[in-house]
C-alpha cells in the first residue's frame, strides 16, 4: 500500500561533479498515511530492468505527522 505519491526519476546523469547529479524528491503523504502515524514504515527505491521492477534499496523510518499546516486556522 502506498502512503505517498510515487516518484519516477531517471538516474543516468554523468556529470563529474557529484552535486549536479543530486535529485530532490518530495513525497506527499496521502490520507492513508494517518492510520500509520507513529509507526515504522519503509521507503523503497526500485529499478526498472527491461519490463521488470526490481527492488534497489529500502530504509525504515518512523512516520510522524504534524497537527496541521503553518497557515491552518487555530
N, C-alpha and C. Protein backbone atom coordinates (compact mmCIF):
# COMPACT_ATOMS: atom_id res chain seq x y z
N UNK A 1 0.84 -1.17 0.00
CA UNK A 1 0.00 0.00 0.00
C UNK A 1 0.89 1.24 0.00
N UNK A 2 0.61 2.14 -0.92
CA UNK A 2 1.36 3.40 -0.99
C UNK A 2 0.76 4.41 -0.01
N UNK A 3 1.63 5.05 0.77
CA UNK A 3 1.20 6.09 1.70
C UNK A 3 1.49 7.48 1.14
N UNK A 4 2.22 7.54 0.04
CA UNK A 4 2.56 8.83 -0.57
C UNK A 4 2.44 8.71 -2.08
N UNK A 5 2.73 9.81 -2.75
CA UNK A 5 2.79 9.77 -4.20
C UNK A 5 3.99 8.92 -4.64
N UNK A 6 3.96 8.46 -5.86
CA UNK A 6 5.05 7.66 -6.43
C UNK A 6 5.87 8.57 -7.32
N UNK A 7 7.18 8.59 -7.13
CA UNK A 7 8.07 9.44 -7.91
C UNK A 7 8.92 8.58 -8.84
N UNK A 8 9.06 9.01 -10.08
CA UNK A 8 9.95 8.34 -11.05
C UNK A 8 11.09 9.28 -11.38
N UNK A 9 12.31 8.74 -11.41
CA UNK A 9 13.50 9.53 -11.68
C UNK A 9 14.40 8.75 -12.62
N UNK A 10 14.92 9.42 -13.63
CA UNK A 10 15.95 8.80 -14.46
C UNK A 10 17.29 9.12 -13.82
N UNK A 11 17.99 8.07 -13.39
CA UNK A 11 19.26 8.24 -12.68
C UNK A 11 20.43 7.94 -13.61
N UNK A 12 20.49 8.66 -14.72
CA UNK A 12 21.55 8.41 -15.68
C UNK A 12 22.43 9.64 -15.91
N UNK A 13 22.47 10.54 -14.94
CA UNK A 13 23.29 11.74 -15.05
C UNK A 13 24.77 11.35 -14.96
N UNK A 14 25.60 11.97 -15.76
CA UNK A 14 27.01 11.56 -15.83
C UNK A 14 27.99 12.68 -15.51
N UNK A 15 27.53 13.78 -14.95
CA UNK A 15 28.41 14.90 -14.64
C UNK A 15 29.51 14.46 -13.66
N UNK A 16 30.74 14.92 -13.85
CA UNK A 16 31.80 14.58 -12.90
C UNK A 16 31.60 15.23 -11.53
N UNK A 17 30.80 16.30 -11.47
CA UNK A 17 30.51 16.97 -10.20
C UNK A 17 29.32 16.28 -9.53
N UNK A 18 29.57 15.61 -8.41
CA UNK A 18 28.54 14.82 -7.75
C UNK A 18 27.35 15.68 -7.33
N UNK A 19 27.58 16.95 -6.99
CA UNK A 19 26.49 17.83 -6.56
C UNK A 19 25.48 18.08 -7.68
N UNK A 20 25.92 18.10 -8.90
CA UNK A 20 25.00 18.33 -10.02
C UNK A 20 24.20 17.07 -10.37
N UNK A 21 24.56 15.94 -9.78
CA UNK A 21 23.82 14.70 -10.01
C UNK A 21 22.77 14.43 -8.94
N UNK A 22 22.68 15.31 -7.93
CA UNK A 22 21.67 15.14 -6.88
C UNK A 22 20.29 15.46 -7.44
N UNK A 23 19.28 14.73 -6.94
CA UNK A 23 17.90 14.96 -7.33
C UNK A 23 17.07 15.06 -6.07
N UNK A 24 16.29 16.11 -5.95
CA UNK A 24 15.43 16.32 -4.80
C UNK A 24 14.03 15.80 -5.12
N UNK A 25 13.49 14.97 -4.24
CA UNK A 25 12.15 14.43 -4.41
C UNK A 25 11.28 14.85 -3.24
N UNK A 26 10.03 15.14 -3.50
CA UNK A 26 9.07 15.44 -2.44
C UNK A 26 8.02 14.35 -2.42
N UNK A 27 7.95 13.63 -1.32
CA UNK A 27 6.93 12.60 -1.15
C UNK A 27 5.78 13.22 -0.36
N UNK A 28 4.62 13.30 -0.97
CA UNK A 28 3.45 13.92 -0.35
C UNK A 28 2.58 12.80 0.22
N UNK A 29 2.39 12.85 1.54
CA UNK A 29 1.60 11.80 2.19
C UNK A 29 0.12 11.94 1.86
N UNK A 30 -0.52 10.80 1.62
CA UNK A 30 -1.95 10.76 1.37
C UNK A 30 -2.72 10.53 2.65
N UNK A 31 -4.04 10.50 2.57
CA UNK A 31 -4.89 10.29 3.74
C UNK A 31 -4.63 8.94 4.41
N UNK A 32 -4.23 7.94 3.62
CA UNK A 32 -3.96 6.61 4.17
C UNK A 32 -2.83 6.62 5.19
N UNK A 33 -1.95 7.61 5.10
CA UNK A 33 -0.80 7.69 6.00
C UNK A 33 -1.22 7.96 7.44
N UNK A 34 -2.38 8.58 7.65
CA UNK A 34 -2.83 8.91 9.00
C UNK A 34 -2.95 7.66 9.88
N UNK A 35 -3.36 6.55 9.31
CA UNK A 35 -3.51 5.30 10.06
C UNK A 35 -2.16 4.73 10.48
N UNK A 36 -1.07 5.23 9.92
CA UNK A 36 0.27 4.73 10.23
C UNK A 36 1.10 5.72 11.04
N UNK A 37 0.47 6.79 11.52
CA UNK A 37 1.19 7.79 12.30
C UNK A 37 1.82 7.15 13.54
N UNK A 38 3.09 7.40 13.76
CA UNK A 38 3.81 6.85 14.90
C UNK A 38 4.34 5.44 14.67
N UNK A 39 4.09 4.87 13.51
CA UNK A 39 4.53 3.51 13.20
C UNK A 39 5.73 3.54 12.27
N UNK A 40 6.45 2.43 12.24
CA UNK A 40 7.58 2.29 11.34
C UNK A 40 7.07 1.96 9.94
N UNK A 41 7.52 2.71 8.96
CA UNK A 41 7.17 2.47 7.57
C UNK A 41 8.45 2.33 6.76
N UNK A 42 8.33 1.85 5.54
CA UNK A 42 9.50 1.62 4.70
C UNK A 42 9.46 2.53 3.48
N UNK A 43 10.58 3.16 3.19
CA UNK A 43 10.74 3.94 1.96
C UNK A 43 11.57 3.09 1.01
N UNK A 44 11.05 2.87 -0.18
CA UNK A 44 11.69 1.95 -1.12
C UNK A 44 12.10 2.66 -2.41
N UNK A 45 13.24 2.23 -2.93
CA UNK A 45 13.67 2.63 -4.27
C UNK A 45 13.69 1.36 -5.11
N UNK A 46 13.13 1.47 -6.29
CA UNK A 46 13.08 0.32 -7.19
C UNK A 46 13.69 0.71 -8.52
N UNK A 47 14.16 -0.30 -9.23
CA UNK A 47 14.81 -0.08 -10.52
C UNK A 47 14.02 -0.81 -11.60
N UNK A 48 13.87 -0.16 -12.74
CA UNK A 48 13.19 -0.78 -13.87
C UNK A 48 14.25 -1.44 -14.74
N UNK A 49 14.21 -2.75 -14.83
CA UNK A 49 15.16 -3.52 -15.66
C UNK A 49 14.34 -4.18 -16.76
N UNK A 50 14.45 -3.64 -17.96
CA UNK A 50 13.59 -4.11 -19.05
C UNK A 50 12.16 -3.75 -18.72
N UNK A 51 11.30 -4.75 -18.59
CA UNK A 51 9.90 -4.53 -18.22
C UNK A 51 9.62 -4.95 -16.78
N UNK A 52 10.68 -5.23 -16.00
CA UNK A 52 10.52 -5.76 -14.65
C UNK A 52 10.98 -4.74 -13.61
N UNK A 53 10.17 -4.54 -12.57
CA UNK A 53 10.54 -3.67 -11.45
C UNK A 53 11.29 -4.52 -10.42
N UNK A 54 12.51 -4.09 -10.10
CA UNK A 54 13.40 -4.84 -9.21
C UNK A 54 13.71 -3.99 -7.98
N UNK A 55 13.62 -4.56 -6.76
CA UNK A 55 14.00 -3.80 -5.57
C UNK A 55 15.45 -3.33 -5.67
N UNK A 56 15.70 -2.07 -5.27
CA UNK A 56 17.04 -1.49 -5.34
C UNK A 56 17.58 -1.18 -3.95
N UNK A 57 16.80 -0.45 -3.15
CA UNK A 57 17.24 -0.03 -1.82
C UNK A 57 16.00 0.28 -0.99
N UNK A 58 16.07 0.03 0.32
CA UNK A 58 14.95 0.34 1.22
C UNK A 58 15.50 0.80 2.56
N UNK A 59 14.74 1.65 3.23
CA UNK A 59 15.10 2.09 4.58
C UNK A 59 13.82 2.24 5.39
N UNK A 60 13.91 2.01 6.69
CA UNK A 60 12.76 2.14 7.58
C UNK A 60 12.84 3.45 8.34
N UNK A 61 11.70 4.10 8.50
CA UNK A 61 11.60 5.35 9.23
C UNK A 61 10.32 5.33 10.06
N UNK A 62 10.26 6.16 11.10
CA UNK A 62 9.04 6.31 11.88
C UNK A 62 8.26 7.48 11.31
N UNK A 63 7.02 7.23 10.94
CA UNK A 63 6.17 8.26 10.36
C UNK A 63 5.61 9.13 11.48
N UNK A 64 5.88 10.44 11.41
CA UNK A 64 5.39 11.38 12.42
C UNK A 64 4.74 12.55 11.71
N UNK A 65 3.43 12.52 11.67
CA UNK A 65 2.67 13.59 11.02
C UNK A 65 2.40 14.70 12.01
N UNK A 66 2.40 15.93 11.51
CA UNK A 66 2.12 17.10 12.34
C UNK A 66 0.64 17.29 12.56
N UNK A 67 0.30 18.34 13.29
CA UNK A 67 -1.09 18.63 13.62
C UNK A 67 -1.76 19.51 12.59
N UNK A 68 -1.03 20.10 11.67
CA UNK A 68 -1.62 20.98 10.67
C UNK A 68 -0.56 21.79 9.99
N UNK A 69 -0.97 22.52 9.00
CA UNK A 69 -0.04 23.35 8.26
C UNK A 69 0.18 24.69 8.92
N UNK A 70 1.16 25.41 8.47
CA UNK A 70 1.54 26.70 9.03
C UNK A 70 0.42 27.72 8.90
N UNK A 71 -0.34 27.65 7.82
CA UNK A 71 -1.36 28.64 7.56
C UNK A 71 -2.76 28.16 7.97
N UNK A 72 -2.87 26.98 8.59
CA UNK A 72 -4.18 26.48 9.04
C UNK A 72 -4.71 27.38 10.16
N UNK A 73 -6.03 27.67 10.18
CA UNK A 73 -6.59 28.49 11.27
C UNK A 73 -6.52 27.73 12.59
N UNK A 74 -6.36 28.47 13.68
CA UNK A 74 -6.29 27.84 15.01
C UNK A 74 -7.65 27.53 15.55
